[in-house]
Amino acid sequence: MLTVHHLNNSRSQRVLWMLEELGVPYEIERYERNPKTMLAPPSLVKVHPLGKSPVVTDGKATLAESGAILEYLVETYGEGRFSPDAGTPSFLRYRYWMHYAEGSLATPLLLQLVFDQIERKAPFLVRPVAKAISTQVKGMLVTPNLKRHFDYLEGELTEHGPWFAGRSFSAADVQMSFGIEAADARGLLRNRPKLADWLRRIHDRPAYQRALEQGGSYDLGSF
């Protein structure tokens, strides 16, 4: 039986969603973040040396990294579904978005999260200085970079949509979901109607809703 080592409020929600789309039976091993640090518990190290989620075990195989897991699931269980045909323009887009989600988009989102946390959690005596530094870095680097990325994504869906690989829903949409949902929780989808519409459509998918029932609370705005 395939097992998803599922951490609350994490990228492993994408794995549950992909499995629900595929209709593959699975079990869930649940882990909870430390409520103060929001870090994964040390027990995940027993599954994978990095102690991070998502991790999937399938027989003797242990797989980590969202993109690698989704590709494995589609190649192993998809029977031609959720991936465009190899050699087509849609497949090139599919492969690109599978890597872009964590290779390009995740970094500025993480930087924004880090600097927001610095502003909120710095010790009281140094908070004004920390906030001043954070505001300057975000203004010079993080915010313009995020705008560039989300303007780009809006344009790509406008020109090539309605899904990221083209006309059909694919695992690339599952892979892109975490970053775009995190952005929506931070108000970054305002005045970006194509992205907002894409987000509504993924939330309406029955498999997405079943995955939420399986995975539990999923609130990226709580970070």
Protein backbone atom coordinates (compact mmCIF):
# COMPACT_ATOMS: atom_id res chain seq x y z
CA MET A 1 0.00 0.00 0.00
CA LEU A 2 1.27 3.46 -0.91
CA THR A 3 1.75 5.69 2.15
CA VAL A 4 1.81 9.49 2.19
CA HIS A 5 3.74 10.95 5.11
CA HIS A 6 1.54 13.99 5.42
CA LEU A 7 2.48 17.18 7.27
CA ASN A 8 -0.33 19.61 7.99
CA ASN A 9 -0.29 22.85 5.96
CA SER A 10 2.37 21.60 3.60
CA ARG A 11 3.20 20.61 0.07
CA SER A 12 2.09 17.06 0.82
CA GLN A 13 -1.49 18.26 0.26
CA ARG A 14 -0.63 18.29 -3.44
CA VAL A 15 0.28 14.61 -3.26
CA LEU A 16 -3.07 13.72 -1.69
CA TRP A 17 -4.82 15.68 -4.42
CA MET A 18 -2.88 13.91 -7.18
CA LEU A 19 -3.70 10.52 -5.68
CA GLU A 20 -7.38 11.42 -5.52
CA GLU A 21 -7.31 12.48 -9.17
CA LEU A 22 -5.66 9.18 -10.09
CA GLY A 23 -7.95 7.09 -7.90
CA VAL A 24 -4.98 5.28 -6.32
CA PRO A 25 -5.56 3.70 -2.87
CA TYR A 26 -3.26 5.09 -0.20
CA GLU A 27 -2.72 5.40 3.53
CA ILE A 28 -1.83 8.57 5.44
CA GLU A 29 0.77 8.81 8.17
CA ARG A 30 0.11 12.15 9.86
CA TYR A 31 2.60 14.63 11.30
CA GLU A 32 1.93 17.99 12.95
CA ARG A 33 4.00 21.14 12.78
CA ASN A 34 5.41 22.64 15.96
CA PRO A 35 2.86 25.39 16.71
CA LYS A 36 5.59 27.86 17.75
CA THR A 37 8.24 27.25 15.09
CA MET A 38 5.94 25.82 12.37
CA LEU A 39 8.69 23.26 11.66
CA ALA A 40 8.11 19.59 10.93
CA PRO A 41 8.54 17.16 13.84
CA PRO A 42 11.84 15.24 14.23
CA SER A 43 9.98 11.97 13.63
CA LEU A 44 9.98 12.66 9.88
CA VAL A 45 13.76 12.09 9.89
CA LYS A 46 13.02 8.39 10.40
CA VAL A 47 11.32 8.37 7.00
CA HIS A 48 13.74 10.60 5.08
CA PRO A 49 17.08 12.08 6.25
CA LEU A 50 16.00 15.67 5.55
CA GLY A 51 12.96 15.32 7.82
CA LYS A 52 10.69 17.22 5.46
CA SER A 53 7.36 16.59 3.78
CA PRO A 54 6.13 15.38 1.36
CA VAL A 55 7.53 11.89 1.47
CA VAL A 56 5.85 8.88 -0.09
CA THR A 57 6.67 5.22 0.42
CA ASP A 58 5.49 2.78 -2.22
CA GLY A 59 6.70 -0.75 -1.61
CA LYS A 60 10.48 -0.53 -1.22
CA ALA A 61 10.65 2.94 -2.80
CA THR A 62 10.87 6.14 -0.73
CA LEU A 63 10.33 9.33 -2.69
CA ALA A 64 10.73 12.96 -1.66
CA GLU A 65 10.26 16.31 -3.43
CA SER A 66 6.82 17.26 -4.70
CA GLY A 67 7.65 17.36 -8.39
CA ALA A 68 9.46 14.02 -8.35
CA ILE A 69 6.58 12.40 -6.45
CA LEU A 70 3.92 13.75 -8.82
CA GLU A 71 5.90 12.63 -11.86
CA TYR A 72 6.33 9.16 -10.35
CA LEU A 73 2.62 8.88 -9.58
CA VAL A 74 1.55 9.96 -13.07
CA GLU A 75 4.10 7.72 -14.79
CA THR A 76 3.30 4.72 -12.58
CA TYR A 77 -0.46 4.99 -12.19
CA GLY A 78 -1.66 7.55 -14.70
CA GLU A 79 -2.18 5.31 -17.74
CA GLY A 80 -1.71 8.31 -20.00
CA ARG A 81 -3.73 10.71 -17.85
CA PHE A 82 -2.63 14.07 -16.37
CA SER A 83 0.41 14.46 -18.66
CA PRO A 84 0.42 15.66 -22.29
CA ASP A 85 1.88 13.41 -24.96
CA ALA A 86 5.68 13.45 -25.08
CA GLY A 87 7.15 15.52 -27.89
CA THR A 88 4.25 17.97 -28.06
CA PRO A 89 4.39 21.71 -27.24
CA SER A 90 2.02 21.03 -24.35
CA PHE A 91 4.46 18.51 -22.89
CA LEU A 92 7.26 21.09 -22.96
CA ARG A 93 5.05 23.50 -21.06
CA TYR A 94 4.07 20.73 -18.66
CA ARG A 95 7.70 19.89 -17.89
CA TYR A 96 8.56 23.57 -17.48
CA TRP A 97 5.82 24.25 -14.91
CA MET A 98 6.65 21.06 -13.00
CA HIS A 99 10.10 22.55 -12.35
CA TYR A 100 9.21 26.24 -12.21
CA ALA A 101 6.88 25.82 -9.22
CA GLU A 102 9.73 25.05 -6.81
CA GLY A 103 12.74 26.16 -8.86
CA SER A 104 11.62 29.77 -9.46
CA LEU A 105 8.33 30.67 -7.78
CA ALA A 106 8.97 29.25 -4.31
CA THR A 107 12.05 31.37 -3.56
CA PRO A 108 10.49 34.87 -3.56
CA LEU A 109 7.45 33.53 -1.71
CA LEU A 110 9.73 32.06 0.96
CA LEU A 111 11.68 35.31 1.24
CA GLN A 112 8.46 37.23 1.79
CA LEU A 113 7.43 34.78 4.49
CA VAL A 114 10.83 35.05 6.22
CA PHE A 115 10.84 38.85 6.27
CA ASP A 116 7.21 39.02 7.39
CA GLN A 117 8.11 36.72 10.28
CA ILE A 118 11.10 38.89 11.16
CA GLU A 119 8.82 41.92 11.41
CA ARG A 120 6.30 40.11 13.60
CA LYS A 121 8.59 38.08 15.84
CA ALA A 122 11.73 40.14 16.36
CA PRO A 123 12.43 40.96 20.04
CA PHE A 124 10.66 44.13 21.12
CA LEU A 125 13.80 46.25 21.59
CA VAL A 126 15.15 45.56 18.11
CA ARG A 127 11.81 45.34 16.33
CA PRO A 128 11.93 48.89 14.84
CA VAL A 129 15.35 48.19 13.31
CA ALA A 130 14.32 44.73 12.11
CA LYS A 131 11.18 46.14 10.54
CA ALA A 132 13.11 48.91 8.82
CA ILE A 133 15.58 46.45 7.32
CA SER A 134 12.82 44.04 6.33
CA THR A 135 10.78 46.79 4.68
CA GLN A 136 13.78 47.97 2.68
CA VAL A 137 14.71 44.48 1.47
CA LYS A 138 11.12 43.65 0.52
CA GLY A 139 10.73 46.96 -1.28
CA MET A 140 13.96 46.61 -3.25
CA LEU A 141 13.98 42.88 -3.95
CA VAL A 142 11.09 40.71 -2.82
CA THR A 143 7.98 42.69 -3.81
CA PRO A 144 9.20 43.62 -7.33
CA ASN A 145 10.25 40.02 -7.93
CA LEU A 146 6.87 38.68 -6.85
CA LYS A 147 5.10 41.18 -9.08
CA ARG A 148 7.22 40.07 -12.02
CA HIS A 149 6.39 36.41 -11.41
CA PHE A 150 2.66 36.89 -10.99
CA ASP A 151 2.38 39.24 -13.95
CA TYR A 152 4.18 36.53 -15.92
CA LEU A 153 1.83 33.79 -14.71
CA GLU A 154 -1.23 35.90 -15.50
CA GLY A 155 0.10 36.46 -19.01
CA GLU A 156 0.85 32.78 -19.54
CA LEU A 157 -2.67 31.71 -18.62
CA THR A 158 -4.08 34.48 -20.78
CA GLU A 159 -2.10 33.37 -23.82
CA HIS A 160 -1.86 29.59 -23.37
CA GLY A 161 -4.54 28.60 -20.82
CA PRO A 162 -6.93 27.76 -19.39
CA TRP A 163 -4.53 25.29 -17.70
CA PHE A 164 -0.81 25.63 -17.27
CA ALA A 165 0.06 22.99 -19.86
CA GLY A 166 -2.61 24.28 -22.25
CA ARG A 167 -6.14 23.05 -22.88
CA SER A 168 -6.20 20.15 -20.42
CA PHE A 169 -5.76 19.86 -16.67
CA SER A 170 -2.51 18.09 -15.77
CA ALA A 171 -0.18 17.31 -12.90
CA ALA A 172 1.48 20.66 -13.65
CA ASP A 173 -1.62 22.37 -12.25
CA VAL A 174 -1.34 20.27 -9.10
CA GLN A 175 2.33 21.20 -8.79
CA MET A 176 1.63 24.91 -9.26
CA SER A 177 -1.17 24.97 -6.70
CA PHE A 178 0.82 25.38 -3.48
CA GLY A 179 2.63 28.54 -4.54
CA ILE A 180 -0.45 30.17 -6.02
CA GLU A 181 -2.57 29.33 -2.99
CA ALA A 182 0.13 30.80 -0.76
CA ALA A 183 0.15 33.92 -2.92
CA ASP A 184 -3.63 34.21 -2.73
CA ALA A 185 -3.47 33.99 1.08
CA ARG A 186 -1.12 37.00 0.98
CA GLY A 187 -3.30 39.04 -1.38
CA LEU A 188 -1.08 38.66 -4.44
CA LEU A 189 -3.83 37.62 -6.87
CA ARG A 190 -5.70 40.92 -6.78
CA ASN A 191 -6.27 42.29 -10.29
CA ARG A 192 -5.12 39.00 -11.80
CA PRO A 193 -8.40 37.51 -13.04
CA LYS A 194 -6.92 34.56 -14.96
CA LEU A 195 -5.05 33.31 -11.90
CA ALA A 196 -8.07 33.87 -9.67
CA ASP A 197 -10.27 31.94 -12.11
CA TRP A 198 -7.72 29.10 -12.30
CA LEU A 199 -7.71 28.93 -8.50
CA ARG A 200 -11.50 28.75 -8.35
CA ARG A 201 -11.52 25.95 -10.90
CA ILE A 202 -9.01 23.79 -9.04
CA HIS A 203 -10.92 24.30 -5.79
CA ASP A 204 -14.09 23.12 -7.54
CA ARG A 205 -12.56 19.80 -8.58
CA PRO A 206 -14.08 16.88 -6.63
CA ALA A 207 -10.64 15.26 -6.20
CA TYR A 208 -9.28 18.47 -4.67
CA GLN A 209 -12.15 18.55 -2.20
CA ARG A 210 -11.71 14.89 -1.30
CA ALA A 211 -8.01 15.51 -0.68
CA LEU A 212 -8.89 18.31 1.74
CA GLU A 213 -11.16 15.95 3.63
CA GLN A 214 -8.31 13.46 3.87
CA GLY A 215 -5.55 15.93 4.69
CA GLY A 216 -7.34 18.08 7.23
CA SER A 217 -6.85 21.77 7.94
CA TYR A 218 -5.11 23.63 5.12
CA ASP A 219 -4.63 27.32 5.81
CA LEU A 220 -1.58 28.89 4.20
CA GLY A 221 -2.65 32.26 5.53
CA SER A 222 -1.75 31.09 9.05
CA PHE A 223 1.98 31.20 8.37
